[in-house]
Amino acid sequence: MTRTPAGRLFRTDTGHDLVLTRTFRAPAADVWASPTEPERTARWFGPWEGDAAPGRTIRLQMAYEEQQPWSDVRIDACDAPRLLAVSIIDSYGTWQLELTLTETDGSTELRFVQHLTNLEMVAEIGAGWEYYLDMLVASRDGSPRPEFDEYHPAMQPYYQALAG
């Protein structure tokens, strides 16, 4: 299957924002549960443990990565069911991520943003988030899970072109 990349890149005062969206025919509260309830997050990204509250750190396992590593995730902001901002701390550094949900007429748009300080790994990062967001879609609608090789390296030229 051929996947079409849809991410966009925007310049900011501190670097760039990589933005990806997905739309669900569900209320925001239901979509919100997918990244915030451990058993639902485990279906598309990996399980997490800890007390998830603003200013606190949880542990998140990337269950679909080689060796299934665990990372620390600091909850920077949480305004359920509208905004979740986190910082993932792992061997690559700190990843600042934001997820916003907007509900309109029974559908919810999920807007995912990774704040980038440089574009060094944008081709890998973009393809990776496309994969994980499509894993989220599959976990919600029961469709087959995508295969990572449908995203990487196939989407790298698209994201490299965005970076210029």
Protein backbone atom coordinates (compact mmCIF):
# COMPACT_ATOMS: atom_id res chain seq x y z
CA MET A 1 0.00 0.00 0.00
CA THR A 2 1.21 3.49 -0.82
CA ARG A 3 0.83 6.02 1.97
CA THR A 4 0.63 9.73 1.27
CA PRO A 5 2.51 11.99 3.68
CA ALA A 6 0.52 14.95 4.93
CA GLY A 7 2.76 16.72 7.44
CA ARG A 8 3.54 20.40 7.13
CA LEU A 9 6.46 22.42 8.39
CA PHE A 10 6.17 25.95 9.78
CA ARG A 11 8.99 28.29 10.79
CA THR A 12 8.77 29.60 14.37
CA ASP A 13 10.87 31.97 16.48
CA THR A 14 12.72 28.98 17.98
CA GLY A 15 12.96 26.67 14.96
CA HIS A 16 10.17 24.84 13.17
CA ASP A 17 6.89 23.11 13.98
CA LEU A 18 6.13 19.81 12.30
CA VAL A 19 2.32 19.59 12.12
CA LEU A 20 0.23 16.51 11.27
CA THR A 21 -3.55 16.15 11.53
CA ARG A 22 -6.07 13.34 11.58
CA THR A 23 -9.87 13.60 11.73
CA PHE A 24 -12.14 11.19 13.60
CA ARG A 25 -15.89 10.77 13.49
CA ALA A 26 -16.12 10.81 17.27
CA PRO A 27 -16.51 13.34 20.06
CA ALA A 28 -13.36 14.96 21.42
CA ALA A 29 -13.73 13.22 24.81
CA ASP A 30 -13.55 9.82 23.11
CA VAL A 31 -10.57 10.77 20.94
CA TRP A 32 -8.88 12.25 24.04
CA ALA A 33 -8.93 8.83 25.71
CA SER A 34 -6.70 7.31 23.00
CA PRO A 35 -3.53 9.19 24.01
CA THR A 36 -4.39 9.66 27.69
CA GLU A 37 -5.66 6.29 28.97
CA PRO A 38 -2.85 3.74 29.35
CA GLU A 39 -4.78 0.76 27.97
CA ARG A 40 -5.83 2.74 24.89
CA THR A 41 -2.40 4.28 24.32
CA ALA A 42 -0.94 0.75 24.42
CA ARG A 43 -3.01 -0.15 21.33
CA TRP A 44 -1.16 2.26 19.05
CA PHE A 45 1.98 3.57 20.74
CA GLY A 46 2.74 1.75 23.95
CA PRO A 47 1.72 1.47 27.59
CA TRP A 48 2.53 4.09 30.14
CA GLU A 49 2.66 4.18 33.92
CA GLY A 50 2.68 6.85 36.58
CA ASP A 51 0.63 9.78 37.83
CA ALA A 52 -0.20 11.80 34.71
CA ALA A 53 -0.72 15.34 35.93
CA PRO A 54 0.76 18.68 34.84
CA GLY A 55 4.30 19.01 36.13
CA ARG A 56 4.63 15.27 36.72
CA THR A 57 6.64 12.67 34.79
CA ILE A 58 5.33 9.33 33.60
CA ARG A 59 7.13 6.40 31.96
CA LEU A 60 6.08 5.50 28.40
CA GLN A 61 7.11 2.42 26.45
CA MET A 62 7.50 2.66 22.69
CA ALA A 63 6.06 -0.80 22.10
CA TYR A 64 6.39 -0.70 18.31
CA GLU A 65 10.08 0.24 18.21
CA GLU A 66 13.02 -2.13 18.24
CA GLN A 67 13.81 -3.23 21.80
CA GLN A 68 10.65 -1.45 23.02
CA PRO A 69 12.45 1.31 24.96
CA TRP A 70 10.94 3.23 27.87
CA SER A 71 11.14 7.02 28.03
CA ASP A 72 10.35 9.65 30.62
CA VAL A 73 7.48 11.93 29.60
CA ARG A 74 6.92 15.19 31.46
CA ILE A 75 3.36 16.52 31.30
CA ASP A 76 3.89 20.20 30.49
CA ALA A 77 0.20 21.16 30.09
CA CYS A 78 -3.12 19.35 30.13
CA ASP A 79 -6.55 20.83 29.47
CA ALA A 80 -8.81 17.82 28.87
CA PRO A 81 -10.16 17.14 26.29
CA ARG A 82 -8.55 19.92 24.32
CA LEU A 83 -4.79 20.22 24.86
CA LEU A 84 -1.95 17.95 25.92
CA ALA A 85 1.66 19.17 25.82
CA VAL A 86 4.50 16.87 26.81
CA SER A 87 8.28 16.62 26.71
CA ILE A 88 9.68 13.17 25.98
CA ILE A 89 13.16 12.66 27.30
CA ASP A 90 15.13 9.83 25.70
CA SER A 91 18.56 8.98 24.32
CA TYR A 92 17.99 11.41 21.40
CA GLY A 93 17.31 14.38 23.66
CA THR A 94 14.06 16.14 24.56
CA TRP A 95 11.10 16.08 22.18
CA GLN A 96 8.47 18.77 22.75
CA LEU A 97 5.06 17.63 21.52
CA GLU A 98 1.57 19.12 21.53
CA LEU A 99 -1.75 17.54 20.77
CA THR A 100 -4.89 19.65 20.35
CA LEU A 101 -8.40 18.42 19.66
CA THR A 102 -11.13 20.47 18.04
CA GLU A 103 -14.66 19.06 17.84
CA THR A 104 -17.10 20.25 15.20
CA ASP A 105 -20.46 18.62 14.39
CA GLY A 106 -19.56 15.21 15.85
CA SER A 107 -16.10 15.03 14.26
CA THR A 108 -12.82 15.76 16.00
CA GLU A 109 -9.64 17.02 14.40
CA LEU A 110 -6.46 15.95 16.14
CA ARG A 111 -3.58 18.35 15.49
CA PHE A 112 -0.21 16.94 16.43
CA VAL A 113 2.81 19.25 16.65
CA GLN A 114 6.46 18.50 17.30
CA HIS A 115 8.49 21.61 18.06
CA LEU A 116 11.87 21.22 16.35
CA THR A 117 14.96 23.25 17.14
CA ASN A 118 16.67 21.94 13.99
CA LEU A 119 15.69 19.99 10.88
CA GLU A 120 18.47 17.43 11.11
CA MET A 121 16.17 14.39 11.52
CA VAL A 122 12.91 15.75 10.07
CA ALA A 123 12.69 13.05 7.36
CA GLU A 124 12.81 10.27 9.95
CA ILE A 125 10.65 12.13 12.46
CA GLY A 126 7.92 12.98 9.93
CA ALA A 127 7.69 9.41 8.62
CA GLY A 128 7.62 8.10 12.19
CA TRP A 129 4.76 10.33 13.31
CA GLU A 130 2.79 9.54 10.14
CA TYR A 131 3.13 5.86 11.09
CA TYR A 132 2.12 6.36 14.72
CA LEU A 133 -0.87 8.56 13.87
CA ASP A 134 -2.05 5.95 11.36
CA MET A 135 -1.57 3.34 14.12
CA LEU A 136 -3.89 5.52 16.21
CA VAL A 137 -6.45 5.57 13.39
CA ALA A 138 -6.25 1.77 13.06
CA SER A 139 -6.64 1.30 16.82
CA ARG A 140 -9.83 3.35 16.74
CA ASP A 141 -11.51 2.07 13.57
CA GLY A 142 -10.39 -1.56 13.62
CA SER A 143 -8.53 -1.36 10.31
CA PRO A 144 -5.32 -3.38 9.90
CA ARG A 145 -2.22 -1.92 11.50
CA PRO A 146 0.08 -0.25 9.01
CA GLU A 147 3.57 -1.59 8.39
CA PHE A 148 6.45 0.75 9.17
CA ASP A 149 8.12 0.08 5.82
CA GLU A 150 5.13 1.79 4.15
CA TYR A 151 6.42 5.02 5.78
CA HIS A 152 10.17 4.74 6.06
CA PRO A 153 12.11 5.24 3.85
CA ALA A 154 9.23 5.93 1.40
CA MET A 155 8.25 9.27 2.99
CA GLN A 156 11.75 10.59 3.53
CA PRO A 157 11.97 12.52 0.22
CA TYR A 158 8.72 14.36 1.03
CA TYR A 159 9.99 15.49 4.45
CA GLN A 160 13.45 16.32 3.10
CA ALA A 161 11.78 18.55 0.49
CA LEU A 162 9.79 20.33 3.22
CA ALA A 163 13.03 21.08 5.03
CA GLY A 164 14.47 22.57 1.82
